[in-house]
Amino acid sequence: MIYHNCLYKVKRIICIIFILITE
């Protein structure tokens, strides 16, 4: 669900970093 939340958030860069860390 975090992935979808990231898409809605303005700070997508942080989301991408978060995904990279979780992966």
PDB file of N, CA and C in Angstrom:
ATOM      1  N   MET A   1       0.843  -1.215   0.000  1.00  0.00           N
ATOM      2  CA  MET A   1       0.000   0.000   0.000  1.00  0.00           C
ATOM      3  C   MET A   1       0.868   1.251   0.000  1.00  0.00           C
ATOM      4  N   ILE A   2       2.064   1.125   0.520  1.00  0.00           N
ATOM      5  CA  ILE A   2       2.959   2.296   0.568  1.00  0.00           C
ATOM      6  C   ILE A   2       3.242   2.780  -0.845  1.00  0.00           C
ATOM      7  N   TYR A   3       3.362   1.828  -1.768  1.00  0.00           N
ATOM      8  CA  TYR A   3       3.667   2.216  -3.156  1.00  0.00           C
ATOM      9  C   TYR A   3       2.602   3.163  -3.690  1.00  0.00           C
ATOM     10  N   HIS A   4       1.338   2.825  -3.456  1.00  0.00           N
ATOM     11  CA  HIS A   4       0.244   3.688  -3.936  1.00  0.00           C
ATOM     12  C   HIS A   4       0.298   5.034  -3.232  1.00  0.00           C
ATOM     13  N   ASN A   5       0.575   5.025  -1.958  1.00  0.00           N
ATOM     14  CA  ASN A   5       0.655   6.282  -1.204  1.00  0.00           C
ATOM     15  C   ASN A   5       1.744   7.166  -1.784  1.00  0.00           C
ATOM     16  N   CYS A   6       2.839   6.548  -2.183  1.00  0.00           N
ATOM     17  CA  CYS A   6       3.956   7.317  -2.744  1.00  0.00           C
ATOM     18  C   CYS A   6       3.517   8.003  -4.020  1.00  0.00           C
ATOM     19  N   LEU A   7       2.742   7.320  -4.840  1.00  0.00           N
ATOM     20  CA  LEU A   7       2.307   7.907  -6.106  1.00  0.00           C
ATOM     21  C   LEU A   7       1.501   9.175  -5.854  1.00  0.00           C
ATOM     22  N   TYR A   8       0.735   9.150  -4.768  1.00  0.00           N
ATOM     23  CA  TYR A   8      -0.094  10.324  -4.467  1.00  0.00           C
ATOM     24  C   TYR A   8       0.722  11.444  -3.821  1.00  0.00           C
ATOM     25  N   LYS A   9       1.807  11.056  -3.185  1.00  0.00           N
ATOM     26  CA  LYS A   9       2.617  12.079  -2.491  1.00  0.00           C
ATOM     27  C   LYS A   9       3.425  12.898  -3.492  1.00  0.00           C
ATOM     28  N   VAL A  10       3.744  14.114  -3.097  1.00  0.00           N
ATOM     29  CA  VAL A  10       4.500  14.983  -3.996  1.00  0.00           C
ATOM     30  C   VAL A  10       5.973  14.585  -4.004  1.00  0.00           C
ATOM     31  N   LYS A  11       6.456  14.101  -2.870  1.00  0.00           N
ATOM     32  CA  LYS A  11       7.882  13.734  -2.786  1.00  0.00           C
ATOM     33  C   LYS A  11       8.078  12.313  -3.283  1.00  0.00           C
ATOM     34  N   ARG A  12       8.042  12.149  -4.599  1.00  0.00           N
ATOM     35  CA  ARG A  12       8.215  10.810  -5.166  1.00  0.00           C
ATOM     36  C   ARG A  12       9.643  10.328  -5.015  1.00  0.00           C
ATOM     37  N   ILE A  13      10.581  11.256  -4.959  1.00  0.00           N
ATOM     38  CA  ILE A  13      11.990  10.862  -4.835  1.00  0.00           C
ATOM     39  C   ILE A  13      12.190  10.060  -3.553  1.00  0.00           C
ATOM     40  N   ILE A  14      11.621  10.546  -2.466  1.00  0.00           N
ATOM     41  CA  ILE A  14      11.760   9.836  -1.183  1.00  0.00           C
ATOM     42  C   ILE A  14      11.119   8.461  -1.307  1.00  0.00           C
ATOM     43  N   CYS A  15      10.008   8.399  -2.014  1.00  0.00           N
ATOM     44  CA  CYS A  15       9.318   7.119  -2.197  1.00  0.00           C
ATOM     45  C   CYS A  15      10.201   6.148  -2.950  1.00  0.00           C
ATOM     46  N   ILE A  16      10.827   6.628  -3.999  1.00  0.00           N
ATOM     47  CA  ILE A  16      11.702   5.753  -4.792  1.00  0.00           C
ATOM     48  C   ILE A  16      12.831   5.224  -3.909  1.00  0.00           C
ATOM     49  N   ILE A  17      13.408   6.100  -3.108  1.00  0.00           N
ATOM     50  CA  ILE A  17      14.500   5.669  -2.220  1.00  0.00           C
ATOM     51  C   ILE A  17      13.973   4.630  -1.240  1.00  0.00           C
ATOM     52  N   PHE A  18      12.787   4.867  -0.723  1.00  0.00           N
ATOM     53  CA  PHE A  18      12.196   3.928   0.235  1.00  0.00           C
ATOM     54  C   PHE A  18      12.003   2.559  -0.416  1.00  0.00           C
ATOM     55  N   ILE A  19      11.498   2.568  -1.641  1.00  0.00           N
ATOM     56  CA  ILE A  19      11.281   1.301  -2.366  1.00  0.00           C
ATOM     57  C   ILE A  19      12.621   0.609  -2.583  1.00  0.00           C
ATOM     58  N   LEU A  20      13.632   1.376  -2.936  1.00  0.00           N
ATOM     59  CA  LEU A  20      14.957   0.772  -3.175  1.00  0.00           C
ATOM     60  C   LEU A  20      15.476   0.136  -1.890  1.00  0.00           C
ATOM     61  N   ILE A  21      15.240   0.780  -0.778  1.00  0.00           N
ATOM     62  CA  ILE A  21      15.725   0.244   0.505  1.00  0.00           C
ATOM     63  C   ILE A  21      14.943  -1.013   0.877  1.00  0.00           C
ATOM     64  N   THR A  22      13.627  -0.970   0.681  1.00  0.00           N
ATOM     65  CA  THR A  22      12.797  -2.121   1.032  1.00  0.00           C
ATOM     66  C   THR A  22      13.071  -3.294   0.097  1.00  0.00           C
ATOM     67  N   GLU A  23      13.524  -2.991  -1.103  1.00  0.00           N
ATOM     68  CA  GLU A  23      13.786  -4.074  -2.062  1.00  0.00           C
ATOM     69  C   GLU A  23      15.136  -4.679  -1.770  1.00  0.00           C
TER      70      GLU A  23
END
